[in-house]
Protein backbone atom coordinates (compact mmCIF):
# COMPACT_ATOMS: atom_id res chain seq x y z
CA MET A 1 -5.89 7.01 -6.39
CA PRO A 2 -6.89 7.55 -2.64
CA SER A 3 -7.59 4.52 -0.49
CA GLY A 4 -10.89 4.08 -0.69
CA GLU A 5 -12.23 6.45 -3.21
CA ILE A 6 -12.47 6.29 -7.21
CA SER A 7 -10.63 8.59 -9.13
CA THR A 8 -12.44 11.33 -10.51
CA THR A 9 -9.42 13.10 -12.50
CA ASN A 10 -10.43 12.22 -15.80
CA ILE A 11 -14.23 13.62 -15.13
CA VAL A 12 -12.29 16.76 -14.04
CA GLN A 13 -10.06 17.06 -16.68
CA ASN A 14 -12.96 16.43 -19.71
CA ALA A 15 -15.24 18.75 -18.17
CA LEU A 16 -12.51 21.42 -17.91
CA LYS A 17 -11.82 20.67 -21.55
CA SER A 18 -15.14 20.92 -22.69
CA GLY A 19 -15.42 24.54 -21.37
CA LYS A 20 -17.81 23.37 -18.29
CA GLU A 21 -17.95 24.96 -14.91
CA VAL A 22 -16.87 22.72 -12.52
CA PHE A 23 -17.10 23.08 -8.46
CA ILE A 24 -15.25 20.90 -6.17
CA PRO A 25 -15.83 20.22 -2.61
CA TYR A 26 -14.16 22.39 -0.19
CA ILE A 27 -14.55 21.17 3.85
CA HIS A 28 -14.07 23.92 6.45
CA THR A 29 -14.58 24.65 10.34
CA VAL A 30 -17.84 26.68 11.45
CA GLU A 31 -17.57 28.14 14.18
CA ASN A 32 -21.44 28.28 15.83
CA SER A 33 -22.55 29.57 19.33
CA PRO A 34 -20.91 29.00 22.82
CA ALA A 35 -23.95 26.34 23.30
CA GLN A 36 -22.90 24.64 20.25
CA PRO A 37 -19.54 23.18 19.22
CA LYS A 38 -17.60 23.63 15.99
CA SER A 39 -18.59 21.62 13.17
CA SER A 40 -17.99 21.34 9.43
CA VAL A 41 -19.22 22.15 6.22
CA MET A 42 -18.93 21.49 2.59
CA GLU A 43 -18.82 24.16 0.18
CA MET A 44 -18.86 23.63 -3.78
CA LEU A 45 -16.05 25.92 -4.99
CA ALA A 46 -15.17 26.69 -8.52
CA LEU A 47 -12.09 25.16 -10.12
CA GLU A 48 -10.73 27.74 -13.46
CA SER A 49 -8.77 25.54 -14.97
CA MET A 50 -6.24 22.68 -16.05
CA GLU A 51 -3.36 23.35 -14.45
CA GLU A 52 -5.34 25.26 -11.49
CA PHE A 53 -6.68 21.43 -11.18
CA GLU A 54 -3.30 19.70 -11.96
CA SER A 55 -1.87 22.11 -9.05
CA LEU A 56 -4.05 21.05 -6.29
CA LYS A 57 -2.05 19.11 -3.20
CA PRO A 58 -3.65 16.12 -1.70
CA ASP A 59 -5.31 16.57 1.77
CA LYS A 60 -4.93 13.99 4.61
CA TRP A 61 -7.34 11.55 2.65
CA GLY A 62 -5.11 11.86 -0.54
CA ILE A 63 -7.86 13.98 -2.36
CA PRO A 64 -6.82 16.82 -4.26
CA SER A 65 -7.98 20.23 -2.70
CA LEU A 66 -7.87 23.58 -2.86
CA GLU A 67 -5.50 25.97 -1.25
CA ALA A 68 -6.93 27.65 1.76
CA ALA A 69 -5.46 31.06 0.72
CA SER A 70 -7.85 30.97 -2.62
CA ILE A 71 -10.89 30.31 -0.56
CA SER A 72 -12.27 34.11 -0.91
CA VAL A 73 -11.95 34.43 -4.31
CA ARG A 74 -13.42 31.38 -5.66
CA GLN A 75 -16.86 31.35 -7.22
CA ASN A 76 -19.46 29.26 -4.95
CA CYS A 77 -22.09 26.91 -6.56
CA LEU A 78 -24.60 28.56 -3.89
CA GLY A 79 -23.70 32.06 -5.33
CA GLY A 80 -21.18 34.61 -3.98
CA TYR A 81 -17.70 33.94 -3.28
CA GLY A 82 -15.75 31.70 -0.75
CA VAL A 83 -17.52 29.88 1.76
CA ALA A 84 -21.02 30.88 3.23
CA SER A 85 -20.40 32.05 6.41
CA ALA A 86 -18.31 34.83 4.90
CA TRP A 87 -21.11 36.35 2.83
CA HIS A 88 -21.79 39.86 3.53
CA PRO A 89 -25.68 40.69 3.28
CA HIS A 90 -24.79 42.52 -0.06
CA THR A 91 -22.88 40.32 -1.75
CA GLU A 92 -24.36 38.72 -4.97
CA ARG A 93 -25.45 35.05 -4.62
CA LYS A 94 -26.73 34.37 -8.33
CA SER A 95 -25.39 30.89 -9.54
CA SER A 96 -26.61 29.19 -12.49
CA GLY A 97 -26.45 26.15 -10.52
CA LEU A 98 -25.11 22.70 -10.68
CA ASP A 99 -26.26 19.76 -13.19
CA LEU A 100 -24.17 16.77 -11.95
CA ILE A 101 -22.82 15.76 -8.57
CA VAL A 102 -20.44 12.79 -8.24
CA MET A 103 -21.10 11.26 -4.89
CA PRO A 104 -18.66 9.10 -3.32
CA GLY A 105 -19.57 6.27 -1.09
CA MET A 106 -18.70 2.66 0.88
CA ALA A 107 -21.46 0.92 -0.30
CA PHE A 108 -24.71 0.96 -2.67
CA ASP A 109 -27.64 -0.89 -2.96
CA GLN A 110 -30.33 -1.43 -5.65
CA SER A 111 -32.47 0.57 -4.93
CA LEU A 112 -29.87 3.52 -5.64
CA ARG A 113 -29.62 4.28 -1.55
CA ARG A 114 -25.59 5.07 -0.23
CA LEU A 115 -23.34 4.22 2.38
CA GLY A 116 -21.00 7.45 2.87
CA HIS A 117 -18.27 7.97 4.97
CA GLY A 118 -20.43 8.61 8.20
CA LYS A 119 -19.91 13.00 8.02
CA GLY A 120 -22.81 13.62 6.10
CA TYR A 121 -21.35 16.23 4.05
CA TYR A 122 -22.98 15.68 0.87
CA ASP A 123 -26.26 15.02 2.63
CA ARG A 124 -25.99 18.28 4.81
CA PHE A 125 -24.99 19.93 1.42
CA LEU A 126 -27.61 19.20 -0.83
CA ALA A 127 -30.29 20.25 2.05
CA ARG A 128 -28.88 23.22 1.58
CA TYR A 129 -28.13 23.79 -1.96
CA SER A 130 -32.17 22.74 -2.38
CA LYS A 131 -33.58 25.37 -0.33
CA GLY A 132 -31.64 28.03 -2.35
CA ASP A 133 -32.23 31.58 -0.70
CA GLY A 134 -35.41 30.43 0.33
CA SER A 135 -37.16 32.40 -2.99
CA LYS A 136 -39.42 30.40 -5.69
CA GLU A 137 -37.24 31.89 -8.30
CA SER A 138 -33.78 30.79 -6.37
CA THR A 139 -34.93 27.42 -6.12
CA PRO A 140 -32.31 25.35 -7.97
CA GLN A 141 -33.62 22.34 -10.12
CA LYS A 142 -31.88 19.08 -8.44
CA PRO A 143 -28.65 17.97 -9.67
CA PHE A 144 -28.32 14.52 -11.25
CA LEU A 145 -26.76 12.53 -8.17
CA VAL A 146 -24.25 9.52 -9.79
CA ALA A 147 -21.92 7.39 -7.64
CA LEU A 148 -18.84 5.11 -8.99
CA ALA A 149 -18.16 2.11 -7.46
CA LEU A 150 -16.79 -1.00 -7.88
CA LYS A 151 -18.70 -4.07 -8.24
CA GLU A 152 -17.52 -5.06 -4.67
CA GLN A 153 -19.30 -2.02 -3.35
CA ILE A 154 -22.44 -3.11 -4.57
CA LEU A 155 -25.30 -4.55 -2.12
CA HIS A 156 -27.68 -7.16 -3.86
CA PRO A 157 -30.92 -8.17 -2.73
CA PRO A 158 -32.20 -8.95 0.13
CA GLU A 159 -29.21 -6.46 1.32
CA GLU A 160 -29.94 -2.96 1.83
CA ILE A 161 -28.48 -0.15 3.25
CA PRO A 162 -29.99 1.46 6.12
CA VAL A 163 -30.73 5.26 5.64
CA SER A 164 -32.87 7.89 7.50
CA GLU A 165 -34.74 10.72 6.27
CA HIS A 166 -31.94 13.46 5.73
CA ASP A 167 -30.01 10.57 3.62
CA TRP A 168 -30.25 11.40 -0.48
CA PRO A 169 -30.23 8.59 -2.55
CA VAL A 170 -28.11 8.72 -5.96
CA ASP A 171 -29.97 8.81 -9.23
CA ALA A 172 -27.45 6.22 -10.95
CA VAL A 173 -24.28 4.13 -9.60
CA ILE A 174 -21.84 3.40 -12.40
CA VAL A 175 -19.94 0.69 -11.45
CA GLY A 176 -16.53 -0.54 -12.57
CA ASP A 177 -17.73 -3.61 -14.67
CA GLY A 178 -19.78 -1.50 -17.14
CA GLN A 179 -22.62 -1.77 -15.12
CA ILE A 180 -25.70 1.07 -14.63
CA ILE A 181 -27.91 0.99 -11.92
CA SER A 182 -30.51 3.31 -12.09
CA PRO A 183 -34.38 3.31 -11.43
């Protein structure tokens, strides 16, 4: 298991065996204008099969990751293929949307706020995802946001995770001791 992350291997394997569409995070660097520095962006790209999942190589954090050479042919959950910055205006961007996102975190409180790893990848992705392509027909339904945690990662009142307006709370936290924290 990667340090600091609860393994989602069984969840992914079960989803693939059940015929579910599975999308996994892919982080890449985006070139901005000369006045802005480079930034990293997270996309959710399709994972096609159990064999493909089992062949993923761990990244520098030990998390199984997609090969860069395969990115351009992978379905993006936002529509199209590959990373959003590579889409052309004529690219088909339809997607059935996401039902569930397993959110990482270092700590969680009883109000379902999360302390992420500090890069804001999931918060920025969710902001992009919730906008769709701007039309009412394409605005996707919000996926259910669930976090997996060890009991040591749960804060108890009066302790709270400090948040700002761009931070997304989760809908439920499933704790390793069997507890489920939900509204």
